[in-house]
Amino acid sequence: MEDDKRFFKGFLCGLCVTAVLGLAAYFISGQIVNSNLFEAGQESQKETLPNEKQTEELLKLDDGKVQKKIDEIEDVINQYYLNDADAELVETQLYKGLVKGLEDPYSNYYTKEEMEQLQESNAGTYSGIGAVMMQDKVTKLITIARCYDGFGAAEAGLLPGDILYKVENQDVSGLDLNQVVALIKEKKDGSVQMEVKREGSEEPVKAEVQVGAVEMPTVSSEMLDHKIGYIAISEFDGVTEKQFENALVKLEGESMEKLIIDLRNNPGGVLQVACKMLDQILPEGLIVYTEDKYGNKKEYKSDAEHQFTKPMVILVNGNSASASEVFAGAVKDYGIGTLVGTTTFGKGIVQGYKTLSDGTTLKLTIEKYYTPKGNNIHGVGIDPDVEVKLDESLEKKVALNHEEDNQLQKAISVLEEK
């Protein structure tokens, strides 16, 4: 469960690109299907692939044939290509193409720089302005979806719904979101001049926004009526476990009697983080296990030291993927909570990382994972115990309030019957 986050405490519209400034960029088309989704198998750059001595030679390219074809293509490019060619970039794309030939959307090749960015993103700490931004794939307009309290964007007065117009006096209307993120990140530990178009304002709104270290708030919580605690988890990053623990402690201190955990639109993250969080609520036993192509199994278990025994609901939808499904699947298999919403995405495979001799990295699908009862949900998903679709009129809204959120209201009614 892996590459690019985050986040989603609200519901993002259908075809868009999302980024946390910060770093991460998500590519969404209805459901989260993207080669950059942070994967459950990530182990902070541990060597997670099987030992080379175990590996069978299933893939063997004809080196002579490949080299001959490369030489031929190079000759044609050198003779006829109009523009200058960047040899390093061409070489990188050659390696990326080799992995792409596996036709696995979760396998990838990363340069050193890309891997550093990936590790930064996975840690949940970014250099940025503390904002979530979306880009419409058709119009290319970049909209601010959320500003995190206490960080640059919010402090400078930027608001959800603002359309980004200029960065450092450069018109960014037609630029790719990743390019805009790079422009902002250049001002690390400084400030960046931004202009946005805001509804109700005829002139662009100018703001000087501080760029600095941002700890991604992946968990939010509050106490609802009738002593029902509510925790929303946007992804499973390095910072998420502690934020989740703090949220539980806070709600328990407010005399929480029941709990809703919202995993809707959570694309996943680090498997080990999800397991540590489950250890805070599960009884003693198996959380999840993985199995590789050789039949090797790895088990993750809970010790019941912090078992949660109060009534609980887990909210899920079609964008709840990967580590979110590990979480929801364990809760369902143990019967300690009720799943409410719609069928989850269905990603039951795990990726591992291998650092190559030159410092670049391969990410490959290496394992399947199974819920405590032995279910692999890849391509199938997890069905909720209580199915309720989000009202169609709400599907394209960036953020929902609790009163209009019919899925949340159903979760509340389920708990009120317990």
Protein backbone atom coordinates (compact mmCIF):
# COMPACT_ATOMS: atom_id res chain seq x y z
CA MET A 1 0.00 0.00 0.00
CA GLU A 2 2.20 3.33 -1.35
CA ASP A 3 3.23 6.73 -3.62
CA ASP A 4 1.60 9.95 -3.01
CA LYS A 5 -1.12 10.71 -0.12
CA ARG A 6 -3.22 12.09 1.51
CA PHE A 7 -5.21 12.61 1.89
CA PHE A 8 -8.48 12.96 2.08
CA LYS A 9 -10.52 14.01 4.94
CA GLY A 10 -13.15 15.17 2.47
CA PHE A 11 -14.31 13.72 -0.80
CA LEU A 12 -12.24 14.72 -3.84
CA CYS A 13 -13.87 15.01 -7.22
CA GLY A 14 -13.64 12.28 -9.87
CA LEU A 15 -10.86 13.07 -12.33
CA CYS A 16 -8.17 15.15 -10.67
CA VAL A 17 -4.62 15.28 -9.42
CA THR A 18 -4.03 16.01 -5.75
CA ALA A 19 -0.96 17.18 -3.87
CA VAL A 20 -0.02 17.95 -0.33
CA LEU A 21 2.42 20.84 -0.18
CA GLY A 22 4.47 18.99 1.10
CA LEU A 23 5.17 16.73 -1.72
CA ALA A 24 2.73 14.05 -2.60
CA ALA A 25 0.70 13.93 -5.79
CA TYR A 26 -2.20 11.47 -6.27
CA PHE A 27 -3.67 10.50 -9.55
CA ILE A 28 -7.31 9.62 -9.13
CA SER A 29 -9.78 8.31 -11.65
CA GLY A 30 -12.89 7.30 -9.81
CA GLN A 31 -10.97 4.93 -7.59
CA ILE A 32 -7.40 5.22 -6.46
CA VAL A 33 -5.42 3.28 -9.05
CA ASN A 34 -1.97 4.69 -9.34
CA SER A 35 1.62 3.65 -9.46
CA ASN A 36 2.39 6.13 -6.71
CA LEU A 37 0.12 4.93 -3.88
CA PHE A 38 2.03 4.38 -0.60
CA GLU A 39 2.12 0.66 -0.12
CA ALA A 40 1.71 -1.54 2.90
CA GLY A 41 4.92 -3.39 2.17
CA GLN A 42 7.15 -0.39 2.65
CA GLU A 43 9.61 -0.95 5.48
CA SER A 44 11.56 2.32 5.60
CA GLN A 45 13.96 1.17 2.88
CA LYS A 46 14.61 -2.23 4.38
CA GLU A 47 15.72 -4.76 1.78
CA THR A 48 12.41 -6.56 1.43
CA LEU A 49 13.00 -8.57 -1.74
CA PRO A 50 13.95 -12.27 -1.58
CA ASN A 51 17.64 -13.20 -1.49
CA GLU A 52 19.11 -13.38 -4.99
CA LYS A 53 20.02 -17.05 -4.51
CA GLN A 54 16.34 -17.89 -4.22
CA THR A 55 15.35 -16.11 -7.41
CA GLU A 56 14.41 -18.16 -10.45
CA GLU A 57 15.42 -16.82 -13.90
CA LEU A 58 11.93 -16.15 -15.19
CA LEU A 59 12.83 -12.91 -16.97
CA LYS A 60 15.81 -13.00 -19.32
CA LEU A 61 16.06 -10.44 -22.09
CA ASP A 62 18.19 -11.03 -25.18
CA ASP A 63 20.93 -8.53 -24.36
CA GLY A 64 22.40 -8.52 -27.86
CA LYS A 65 19.03 -7.95 -29.49
CA VAL A 66 18.13 -5.19 -27.03
CA GLN A 67 21.47 -3.39 -27.46
CA LYS A 68 21.19 -3.59 -31.23
CA LYS A 69 17.72 -2.01 -31.09
CA ILE A 70 18.90 0.73 -28.74
CA ASP A 71 21.82 1.55 -31.05
CA GLU A 72 19.47 1.73 -34.02
CA ILE A 73 17.05 4.06 -32.20
CA GLU A 74 19.94 6.27 -31.04
CA ASP A 75 21.18 6.62 -34.62
CA VAL A 76 17.75 7.68 -35.86
CA ILE A 77 17.36 10.19 -33.01
CA ASN A 78 20.80 11.68 -33.62
CA GLN A 79 20.14 12.07 -37.35
CA TYR A 80 16.60 13.41 -37.30
CA TYR A 81 15.44 14.59 -33.87
CA LEU A 82 14.89 18.36 -33.98
CA ASN A 83 15.64 19.22 -30.33
CA ASP A 84 18.48 18.49 -27.95
CA ALA A 85 18.29 15.17 -26.12
CA ASP A 86 19.10 14.71 -22.43
CA ALA A 87 21.05 11.43 -22.30
CA GLU A 88 20.57 10.99 -18.55
CA LEU A 89 16.82 11.49 -18.81
CA VAL A 90 16.58 9.07 -21.74
CA GLU A 91 18.51 6.45 -19.77
CA THR A 92 16.23 6.88 -16.74
CA GLN A 93 13.14 6.47 -18.90
CA LEU A 94 14.67 3.33 -20.40
CA TYR A 95 14.85 1.75 -16.94
CA LYS A 96 11.37 2.95 -16.06
CA GLY A 97 10.12 1.39 -19.28
CA LEU A 98 11.70 -1.94 -18.37
CA VAL A 99 9.69 -2.08 -15.14
CA LYS A 100 6.59 -0.72 -16.87
CA GLY A 101 6.77 -3.74 -19.17
CA LEU A 102 5.66 -5.87 -16.23
CA GLU A 103 2.25 -4.20 -16.64
CA ASP A 104 1.99 -3.88 -12.88
CA PRO A 105 0.71 -0.43 -11.83
CA TYR A 106 2.35 -0.80 -8.42
CA SER A 107 5.90 -1.61 -9.57
CA ASN A 108 8.26 1.25 -10.41
CA TYR A 109 11.84 2.43 -10.84
CA TYR A 110 13.02 5.45 -8.83
CA THR A 111 16.02 7.70 -9.26
CA LYS A 112 17.91 8.69 -6.09
CA GLU A 113 16.07 12.01 -5.97
CA GLU A 114 12.67 10.39 -6.46
CA MET A 115 13.39 7.91 -3.69
CA GLU A 116 14.40 10.66 -1.31
CA GLN A 117 11.11 12.42 -2.02
CA LEU A 118 9.22 9.17 -1.51
CA GLN A 119 10.88 8.57 1.85
CA GLU A 120 10.12 12.13 2.91
CA SER A 121 6.49 11.71 1.93
CA ASN A 122 6.20 8.34 3.65
CA ALA A 123 7.54 9.80 6.89
CA GLY A 124 4.60 12.20 6.98
CA THR A 125 6.83 15.25 7.34
CA TYR A 126 7.21 17.67 4.44
CA SER A 127 8.74 20.89 3.40
CA GLY A 128 5.80 22.95 2.22
CA ILE A 129 3.03 25.38 3.08
CA GLY A 130 0.59 22.99 4.78
CA ALA A 131 -2.06 22.83 2.08
CA VAL A 132 -3.82 20.15 0.06
CA MET A 133 -4.26 21.15 -3.59
CA MET A 134 -6.16 19.56 -6.47
CA GLN A 135 -5.73 19.96 -10.23
CA ASP A 136 -8.53 19.38 -12.69
CA LYS A 137 -7.16 17.20 -15.49
CA VAL A 138 -9.24 18.98 -18.11
CA THR A 139 -9.01 22.66 -17.18
CA LYS A 140 -5.61 22.33 -15.40
CA LEU A 141 -6.88 24.72 -12.73
CA ILE A 142 -5.30 24.16 -9.33
CA THR A 143 -7.63 24.57 -6.36
CA ILE A 144 -6.78 24.68 -2.68
CA ALA A 145 -8.80 21.95 -1.00
CA ARG A 146 -7.60 22.38 2.57
CA CYS A 147 -5.23 24.44 4.71
CA TYR A 148 -3.80 22.90 7.87
CA ASP A 149 -4.02 25.02 10.99
CA GLY A 150 -0.74 26.44 12.23
CA PHE A 151 1.15 26.28 8.92
CA GLY A 152 2.00 28.72 6.15
CA ALA A 153 -1.12 28.57 3.97
CA ALA A 154 -3.59 29.01 6.80
CA GLU A 155 -1.48 31.66 8.53
CA ALA A 156 -1.33 33.67 5.28
CA GLY A 157 -5.11 33.61 4.91
CA LEU A 158 -5.46 31.17 2.00
CA LEU A 159 -8.85 29.44 1.92
CA PRO A 160 -10.34 26.20 0.57
CA GLY A 161 -11.76 26.94 -2.87
CA ASP A 162 -9.07 29.47 -3.80
CA ILE A 163 -7.76 28.91 -7.34
CA LEU A 164 -3.99 29.25 -7.59
CA TYR A 165 -3.08 31.88 -10.16
CA LYS A 166 0.57 32.90 -9.67
CA VAL A 167 3.64 31.71 -7.78
CA GLU A 168 6.50 34.22 -7.53
CA ASN A 169 4.77 36.32 -10.23
CA GLN A 170 4.76 33.34 -12.62
CA ASP A 171 1.39 32.39 -14.09
CA VAL A 172 0.86 28.72 -13.16
CA SER A 173 -2.58 28.29 -14.70
CA GLY A 174 -1.43 25.75 -17.30
CA LEU A 175 1.41 24.09 -15.38
CA ASP A 176 1.33 20.54 -14.07
CA LEU A 177 0.71 20.32 -10.34
CA ASN A 178 4.10 18.68 -9.74
CA GLN A 179 5.82 21.65 -11.39
CA VAL A 180 3.94 24.06 -9.15
CA VAL A 181 4.88 22.04 -6.06
CA ALA A 182 8.53 22.22 -7.15
CA LEU A 183 8.30 26.02 -7.52
CA ILE A 184 6.98 26.34 -3.99
CA LYS A 185 9.48 23.90 -2.49
CA GLU A 186 12.35 25.95 -3.92
CA LYS A 187 11.58 28.45 -1.18
CA LYS A 188 12.35 25.94 1.59
CA ASP A 189 12.72 27.72 4.96
CA GLY A 190 11.63 30.99 3.39
CA SER A 191 8.48 32.56 2.01
CA VAL A 192 6.79 32.36 -1.37
CA GLN A 193 4.63 34.99 -3.07
CA MET A 194 1.30 33.55 -4.22
CA GLU A 195 -1.78 34.95 -5.91
CA VAL A 196 -5.16 33.23 -5.92
CA LYS A 197 -8.52 33.89 -7.49
CA ARG A 198 -11.25 33.84 -4.87
CA GLU A 199 -14.99 33.69 -5.34
CA GLY A 200 -16.51 37.08 -4.58
CA SER A 201 -13.26 38.96 -5.20
CA GLU A 202 -12.78 40.70 -8.53
CA GLU A 203 -9.01 41.12 -8.10
CA PRO A 204 -6.51 38.30 -7.35
CA VAL A 205 -5.73 37.92 -3.65
CA LYS A 206 -2.02 38.21 -2.89
CA ALA A 207 -0.33 36.38 -0.02
CA GLU A 208 3.18 35.88 1.31
CA VAL A 209 3.21 32.25 2.45
CA GLN A 210 5.81 30.74 4.75
CA VAL A 211 7.46 27.53 3.53
CA GLY A 212 8.84 25.18 6.16
CA ALA A 213 8.59 21.81 7.87
CA VAL A 214 5.04 20.48 7.97
CA GLU A 215 3.99 17.41 9.92
CA MET A 216 1.14 15.93 7.96
CA PRO A 217 -1.99 15.83 10.14
CA THR A 218 -3.15 12.39 9.02
CA VAL A 219 -5.56 11.99 11.95
CA SER A 220 -8.34 14.30 13.09
CA SER A 221 -10.75 13.68 15.94
CA GLU A 222 -13.69 15.14 17.80
CA MET A 223 -16.47 14.16 20.16
CA LEU A 224 -19.90 13.95 18.56
CA ASP A 225 -23.25 13.96 20.38
CA HIS A 226 -24.11 11.12 22.73
CA LYS A 227 -20.45 10.55 23.64
CA ILE A 228 -19.59 9.13 20.21
CA GLY A 229 -15.94 9.65 19.39
CA TYR A 230 -14.98 10.31 15.76
CA ILE A 231 -11.51 9.70 14.31
CA ALA A 232 -10.74 10.30 10.61
CA ILE A 233 -7.53 8.80 9.22
CA SER A 234 -6.43 10.12 5.83
CA GLU A 235 -3.46 7.73 5.36
CA PHE A 236 -0.99 5.54 7.22
CA ASP A 237 2.33 7.40 7.44
CA GLY A 238 5.17 7.44 9.93
CA VAL A 239 3.40 10.10 12.01
CA THR A 240 -0.02 8.42 11.98
CA GLU A 241 0.43 5.90 14.79
CA LYS A 242 1.21 8.53 17.42
CA GLN A 243 -1.52 10.86 16.15
CA PHE A 244 -4.02 7.98 16.40
CA GLU A 245 -2.89 7.10 19.91
CA ASN A 246 -3.21 10.74 20.99
CA ALA A 247 -6.71 10.92 19.49
CA LEU A 248 -7.83 7.82 21.40
CA VAL A 249 -6.40 9.14 24.66
CA LYS A 250 -8.07 12.53 24.14
CA LEU A 251 -11.48 10.99 23.43
CA GLU A 252 -11.21 8.56 26.33
CA GLY A 253 -10.45 11.56 28.53
CA GLU A 254 -13.72 13.09 27.35
CA SER A 255 -15.64 9.98 28.48
CA MET A 256 -16.12 8.46 25.03
CA GLU A 257 -18.67 5.63 25.04
CA LYS A 258 -18.62 4.63 21.35
CA LEU A 259 -16.26 5.19 18.41
CA ILE A 260 -16.38 5.84 14.66
CA ILE A 261 -13.13 5.44 12.67
CA ASP A 262 -13.41 7.00 9.22
CA LEU A 263 -11.22 5.36 6.54
CA ARG A 264 -13.09 6.70 3.53
CA ASN A 265 -10.78 7.88 0.72
CA ASN A 266 -7.76 6.61 2.65
CA PRO A 267 -5.41 5.17 -0.03
CA GLY A 268 -3.30 3.19 2.45
CA GLY A 269 0.28 3.60 3.51
CA VAL A 270 2.79 1.65 5.58
CA LEU A 271 1.67 -1.83 6.63
CA GLN A 272 3.64 -1.77 9.86
CA VAL A 273 1.97 1.50 10.91
CA ALA A 274 -1.51 0.08 10.30
CA CYS A 275 -0.60 -3.03 12.32
CA LYS A 276 0.69 -0.98 15.27
CA MET A 277 -2.55 1.00 15.26
CA LEU A 278 -4.61 -2.19 15.13
CA ASP A 279 -2.61 -3.49 18.09
CA GLN A 280 -4.20 -0.63 20.07
CA ILE A 281 -7.73 -1.93 19.49
CA LEU A 282 -7.63 -5.68 18.68
CA PRO A 283 -7.74 -8.68 21.02
CA GLU A 284 -4.68 -10.92 21.12
CA GLY A 285 -4.07 -12.73 17.85
CA LEU A 286 -3.22 -12.45 14.17
CA ILE A 287 -3.62 -9.04 12.52
CA VAL A 288 -2.60 -9.95 8.97
CA TYR A 289 -0.15 -12.23 7.22
CA THR A 290 1.72 -12.02 3.91
CA GLU A 291 2.92 -14.72 1.53
CA ASP A 292 5.49 -14.44 -1.27
CA LYS A 293 5.96 -16.45 -4.51
CA TYR A 294 7.96 -19.08 -2.62
CA GLY A 295 5.29 -19.68 -0.02
CA ASN A 296 7.19 -17.81 2.72
CA LYS A 297 4.80 -16.31 5.26
CA LYS A 298 5.19 -13.36 7.61
CA GLU A 299 2.71 -12.82 10.43
CA TYR A 300 1.82 -9.60 12.27
CA LYS A 301 0.14 -10.06 15.65
CA SER A 302 -1.52 -8.03 18.40
CA ASP A 303 -0.96 -8.54 22.12
CA ALA A 304 -4.33 -7.30 23.43
CA GLU A 305 -2.64 -4.92 25.87
CA HIS A 306 -4.79 -2.03 24.64
CA GLN A 307 -7.87 -3.89 23.37
CA PHE A 308 -10.82 -1.59 22.56
CA THR A 309 -14.06 -3.08 23.87
CA LYS A 310 -16.60 -0.33 23.25
CA PRO A 311 -19.05 -0.30 20.30
CA MET A 312 -17.24 0.75 17.12
CA VAL A 313 -18.00 1.51 13.46
CA ILE A 314 -15.48 1.68 10.62
CA LEU A 315 -16.51 3.90 7.70
CA VAL A 316 -15.21 2.71 4.29
CA ASN A 317 -15.77 3.34 0.60
CA GLY A 318 -14.37 2.43 -2.83
CA ASN A 319 -11.30 4.60 -2.21
CA SER A 320 -10.38 2.83 1.03
CA ALA A 321 -7.40 0.82 -0.17
CA SER A 322 -4.39 -1.19 0.86
CA ALA A 323 -3.47 -0.56 4.52
CA SER A 324 -7.01 0.76 5.04
CA GLU A 325 -8.28 -2.65 3.99
CA VAL A 326 -5.85 -4.38 6.35
CA PHE A 327 -7.36 -2.26 9.12
CA ALA A 328 -10.99 -2.79 8.10
CA GLY A 329 -10.45 -6.50 7.35
CA ALA A 330 -9.01 -7.20 10.81
CA VAL A 331 -11.83 -5.35 12.57
CA LYS A 332 -14.40 -7.27 10.53
CA ASP A 333 -12.79 -10.68 11.01
CA TYR A 334 -12.61 -10.23 14.79
CA GLY A 335 -16.17 -8.87 14.90
CA ILE A 336 -15.19 -5.97 17.16
CA GLY A 337 -16.77 -3.33 14.94
CA THR A 338 -19.33 -2.78 12.19
CA LEU A 339 -18.23 -1.74 8.69
CA VAL A 340 -20.50 0.93 7.19
CA GLY A 341 -20.34 2.39 3.67
CA THR A 342 -19.51 0.73 0.35
CA THR A 343 -17.16 -2.03 -0.81
CA THR A 344 -13.49 -1.13 -0.47
CA PHE A 345 -11.04 -0.80 -3.36
CA GLY A 346 -9.56 -4.30 -3.32
CA LYS A 347 -5.77 -4.10 -3.11
CA GLY A 348 -4.47 -7.23 -1.44
CA ILE A 349 -0.85 -7.16 -2.61
CA VAL A 350 2.32 -5.80 -1.03
CA GLN A 351 5.28 -4.01 -2.57
CA GLY A 352 8.93 -4.25 -1.52
CA TYR A 353 11.97 -2.09 -2.25
CA LYS A 354 15.43 -3.04 -3.50
CA THR A 355 18.26 -0.50 -3.61
CA LEU A 356 20.43 -1.06 -6.70
CA SER A 357 24.20 -0.69 -6.91
CA ASP A 358 24.04 2.92 -8.16
CA GLY A 359 21.65 4.06 -5.42
CA THR A 360 18.49 3.92 -7.54
CA THR A 361 15.59 1.78 -6.34
CA LEU A 362 13.17 -0.83 -7.65
CA LYS A 363 9.72 -1.18 -6.15
CA LEU A 364 8.11 -4.50 -7.02
CA THR A 365 4.98 -6.40 -6.06
CA ILE A 366 6.33 -9.28 -3.98
CA GLU A 367 3.58 -10.59 -1.69
CA LYS A 368 -0.13 -11.10 -1.19
CA TYR A 369 -1.65 -10.30 2.17
CA TYR A 370 -4.42 -12.13 3.97
CA THR A 371 -6.87 -11.05 6.67
CA PRO A 372 -6.92 -12.97 9.99
CA LYS A 373 -9.46 -15.42 8.55
CA GLY A 374 -7.27 -16.06 5.51
CA ASN A 375 -9.06 -13.89 2.96
CA ASN A 376 -7.14 -12.24 0.12
CA ILE A 377 -9.26 -9.33 -1.05
CA HIS A 378 -7.25 -8.33 -4.13
CA GLY A 379 -9.58 -7.30 -6.94
CA VAL A 380 -12.59 -7.97 -4.72
CA GLY A 381 -12.49 -5.60 -1.78
CA ILE A 382 -14.24 -5.89 1.56
CA ASP A 383 -18.01 -5.62 1.69
CA PRO A 384 -19.46 -3.48 4.48
CA ASP A 385 -21.77 -4.97 7.09
CA VAL A 386 -24.16 -2.08 6.45
CA GLU A 387 -24.12 -0.78 2.89
CA VAL A 388 -24.94 2.88 2.32
CA LYS A 389 -23.82 4.96 -0.65
CA LEU A 390 -22.93 8.60 -0.34
CA ASP A 391 -25.74 10.76 -1.71
CA GLU A 392 -25.03 11.51 -5.37
CA SER A 393 -25.36 15.23 -4.77
CA LEU A 394 -22.41 15.06 -2.36
CA GLU A 395 -19.97 13.04 -4.45
CA LYS A 396 -18.17 16.00 -5.99
CA LYS A 397 -17.97 18.12 -2.87
CA VAL A 398 -14.44 18.75 -1.56
CA ALA A 399 -15.57 18.63 2.08
CA LEU A 400 -18.74 17.54 3.85
CA ASN A 401 -20.24 18.75 7.08
CA HIS A 402 -21.43 16.08 9.46
CA GLU A 403 -25.11 16.91 9.11
CA GLU A 404 -25.23 16.34 5.34
CA ASP A 405 -22.90 13.31 5.37
CA ASN A 406 -25.46 10.50 5.08
CA GLN A 407 -22.84 7.77 5.51
CA LEU A 408 -21.63 9.28 8.78
CA GLN A 409 -25.22 9.73 9.93
CA LYS A 410 -25.85 6.04 9.22
CA ALA A 411 -22.77 5.12 11.26
CA ILE A 412 -24.13 7.19 14.15
CA SER A 413 -27.53 5.50 13.94
CA VAL A 414 -25.87 2.06 13.93
CA LEU A 415 -23.99 2.94 17.11
CA GLU A 416 -27.07 4.39 18.78
CA GLU A 417 -28.70 0.95 18.45
CA LYS A 418 -25.83 -0.73 20.28
